[in-house]
Amino acid sequence: MNTTHKAQSGFTLIEAMVSLVVLSVGMIGIAALYAQGLGASRTATFRTQAINLVGDMADRIRANRLAQAAYAGGAANNACDPQNGGGVNCTPQQMAAHDLFVWDQQVTQLLPNGQWQIQFNPGVLPPSYQITISWDEVGQALPVQHQMLIQVPAI
C-alpha cells in the first residue's frame, strides 16, 4: 500500500473568509471608537462654550455694578454698544438689558436650544448672582446645565 500525501500550499477559501471576518470586526470597532470620539468632542465644545458664556456675563455684571437687579430682568436692544456708536447716554439698567440682549444672541447661537437664567439675591452681603445656562445634548434625556454663583460688592 503506497499512498501519496499531497502537500498543502497556500490558503483555502475558508481561511480567507475567516480572515476577512476578523478584519471586518476590527474595522467596525475602529469606526465605533471614531464615532464615540466625535461625540465626546462635541460635548466638550458645548461645555467650553457654556463656561465661556457664563464667565462673559459675570464680567459684564462686574463691569456694571450699579444695575444690580436689572440683570435678572428682561433683555432689550437699547443700542448701548459702544462699538456701534451707542452707549453714550445709557443708564446702568439700559446697559444691563442690552448686555442681556447681546448675551442671549450668543447663547442661542453657540448652544443647541440654549437657555439661560440669572437670579439676583440682594439679601446677602455682598449681593450675589446665580447665572445658569442649559442646552440640549445628544443622547441625554434632560438638558445639560452649567451654573456659576458670583458675589459682586456694590461700589
Protein backbone atom coordinates (compact mmCIF):
# COMPACT_ATOMS: atom_id res chain seq x y z
CA MET A 1 0.00 0.00 0.00
CA ASN A 2 1.52 3.06 -1.23
CA THR A 3 -0.41 6.31 -0.51
CA THR A 4 0.83 9.62 -1.51
CA HIS A 5 0.18 12.68 0.61
CA LYS A 6 -0.33 15.88 -1.19
CA ALA A 7 1.43 18.83 0.49
CA GLN A 8 -0.75 21.82 1.26
CA SER A 9 0.16 25.01 -0.44
CA GLY A 10 -1.49 28.44 0.18
CA PHE A 11 -4.75 29.37 1.90
CA THR A 12 -8.02 27.65 1.48
CA LEU A 13 -11.20 29.56 0.78
CA ILE A 14 -12.42 29.07 4.37
CA GLU A 15 -9.22 30.51 5.85
CA ALA A 16 -9.50 33.57 3.61
CA MET A 17 -13.12 34.16 4.66
CA VAL A 18 -12.27 33.82 8.37
CA SER A 19 -9.52 36.40 8.00
CA LEU A 20 -11.97 38.78 6.26
CA VAL A 21 -14.46 38.38 9.12
CA VAL A 22 -11.77 39.14 11.70
CA LEU A 23 -10.65 42.18 9.72
CA SER A 24 -14.26 43.40 9.36
CA VAL A 25 -14.89 43.16 13.09
CA GLY A 26 -11.74 45.20 13.71
CA MET A 27 -12.82 47.89 11.25
CA ILE A 28 -16.28 48.12 12.86
CA GLY A 29 -14.58 48.59 16.23
CA ILE A 30 -12.42 51.39 14.85
CA ALA A 31 -15.48 53.10 13.36
CA ALA A 32 -17.31 52.88 16.70
CA LEU A 33 -14.34 54.43 18.53
CA TYR A 34 -14.19 57.22 15.97
CA ALA A 35 -17.91 57.98 16.40
CA GLN A 36 -17.54 57.99 20.19
CA GLY A 37 -14.61 60.39 19.90
CA LEU A 38 -16.67 62.76 17.75
CA GLY A 39 -19.47 62.74 20.32
CA ALA A 40 -17.07 63.45 23.17
CA SER A 41 -15.52 66.28 21.19
CA ARG A 42 -18.95 67.84 20.57
CA THR A 43 -19.83 67.59 24.27
CA ALA A 44 -16.53 69.16 25.29
CA THR A 45 -17.06 72.01 22.82
CA PHE A 46 -20.53 72.79 24.21
CA ARG A 47 -19.27 72.69 27.79
CA THR A 48 -16.40 75.02 26.92
CA GLN A 49 -18.81 77.42 25.21
CA ALA A 50 -21.10 77.38 28.25
CA ILE A 51 -18.25 78.10 30.65
CA ASN A 52 -17.03 80.98 28.47
CA LEU A 53 -20.55 82.43 28.16
CA VAL A 54 -21.17 82.30 31.91
CA GLY A 55 -17.79 83.93 32.53
CA ASP A 56 -18.61 86.63 29.97
CA MET A 57 -21.87 87.50 31.74
CA ALA A 58 -20.12 87.52 35.12
CA ASP A 59 -17.63 90.05 33.70
CA ARG A 60 -20.47 92.18 32.30
CA ILE A 61 -22.18 92.21 35.71
CA ARG A 62 -18.94 93.16 37.47
CA ALA A 63 -18.36 96.00 34.98
CA ASN A 64 -21.88 97.41 35.53
CA ARG A 65 -22.36 97.02 39.28
CA LEU A 66 -24.94 99.78 39.57
CA ALA A 67 -27.53 97.86 37.54
CA GLN A 68 -27.87 95.09 40.16
CA ALA A 69 -31.40 93.62 39.80
CA ALA A 70 -31.67 94.73 36.16
CA TYR A 71 -29.52 91.72 35.22
CA ALA A 72 -32.31 89.44 36.46
CA GLY A 73 -34.80 91.27 34.23
CA GLY A 74 -35.57 91.21 30.55
CA ALA A 75 -33.30 91.71 27.58
CA ALA A 76 -33.70 94.67 25.22
CA ASN A 77 -31.76 96.13 22.32
CA ASN A 78 -31.07 99.61 23.70
CA ALA A 79 -28.24 100.40 21.25
CA CYS A 80 -25.82 100.67 24.14
CA ASP A 81 -22.96 99.02 22.26
CA PRO A 82 -20.02 101.49 22.18
CA GLN A 83 -18.55 99.70 19.15
CA ASN A 84 -21.58 100.67 17.05
CA GLY A 85 -21.67 104.31 18.10
CA GLY A 86 -24.08 103.81 21.01
CA GLY A 87 -23.69 103.71 24.76
CA VAL A 88 -23.25 107.44 25.33
CA ASN A 89 -26.41 108.11 27.34
CA CYS A 90 -27.36 104.64 28.55
CA THR A 91 -28.32 104.21 32.18
CA PRO A 92 -26.89 101.22 34.07
CA GLN A 93 -30.28 99.49 33.76
CA GLN A 94 -30.41 100.08 29.98
CA MET A 95 -26.86 98.76 29.67
CA ALA A 96 -27.82 95.66 31.67
CA ALA A 97 -30.81 95.00 29.38
CA HIS A 98 -28.56 95.46 26.35
CA ASP A 99 -25.93 93.12 27.83
CA LEU A 100 -28.66 90.51 28.26
CA PHE A 101 -29.81 91.06 24.66
CA VAL A 102 -26.31 90.55 23.23
CA TRP A 103 -25.64 87.61 25.55
CA ASP A 104 -28.95 85.93 24.67
CA GLN A 105 -27.97 86.03 20.99
CA GLN A 106 -24.64 84.39 21.80
CA VAL A 107 -26.23 81.67 23.94
CA THR A 108 -28.79 80.74 21.29
CA GLN A 109 -26.17 80.81 18.53
CA LEU A 110 -23.47 78.75 20.25
CA LEU A 111 -25.52 76.15 22.15
CA PRO A 112 -28.25 73.85 20.80
CA ASN A 113 -31.54 75.02 22.30
CA GLY A 114 -29.54 77.26 24.64
CA GLN A 115 -31.48 78.71 27.56
CA TRP A 116 -30.30 80.97 30.36
CA GLN A 117 -31.44 82.38 33.66
CA ILE A 118 -29.94 84.93 36.04
CA GLN A 119 -31.14 85.21 39.63
CA PHE A 120 -30.22 88.23 41.76
CA ASN A 121 -30.08 87.82 45.54
CA PRO A 122 -29.75 91.19 47.30
CA GLY A 123 -30.32 89.63 50.75
CA VAL A 124 -26.71 88.57 51.23
CA LEU A 125 -23.71 90.84 51.54
CA PRO A 126 -22.26 91.31 49.06
CA PRO A 127 -25.21 90.74 46.70
CA SER A 128 -24.96 87.58 44.61
CA TYR A 129 -25.99 86.44 41.17
CA GLN A 130 -26.62 82.87 40.06
CA ILE A 131 -26.00 82.50 36.33
CA THR A 132 -27.35 79.31 34.73
CA ILE A 133 -27.06 78.11 31.14
CA SER A 134 -28.69 74.93 29.84
CA TRP A 135 -28.59 73.23 26.45
CA ASP A 136 -29.66 70.00 24.77
CA GLU A 137 -27.07 67.27 24.42
CA VAL A 138 -27.39 64.32 22.05
CA GLY A 139 -28.14 61.16 23.99
CA GLN A 140 -29.18 62.97 27.18
CA ALA A 141 -32.80 62.83 28.34
CA LEU A 142 -32.55 66.10 30.27
CA PRO A 143 -30.81 69.32 29.26
CA VAL A 144 -27.25 69.76 30.48
CA GLN A 145 -26.57 72.88 32.53
CA HIS A 146 -23.73 74.92 33.92
CA GLN A 147 -24.11 77.30 36.88
CA MET A 148 -21.95 79.94 38.45
CA LEU A 149 -22.57 81.88 41.65
CA ILE A 150 -20.80 85.22 41.87
CA GLN A 151 -20.78 87.89 44.57
CA VAL A 152 -20.46 91.46 43.39
CA PRO A 153 -19.94 94.13 46.05
CA ALA A 154 -21.58 97.50 45.42
CA ILE A 155 -19.40 100.46 44.56
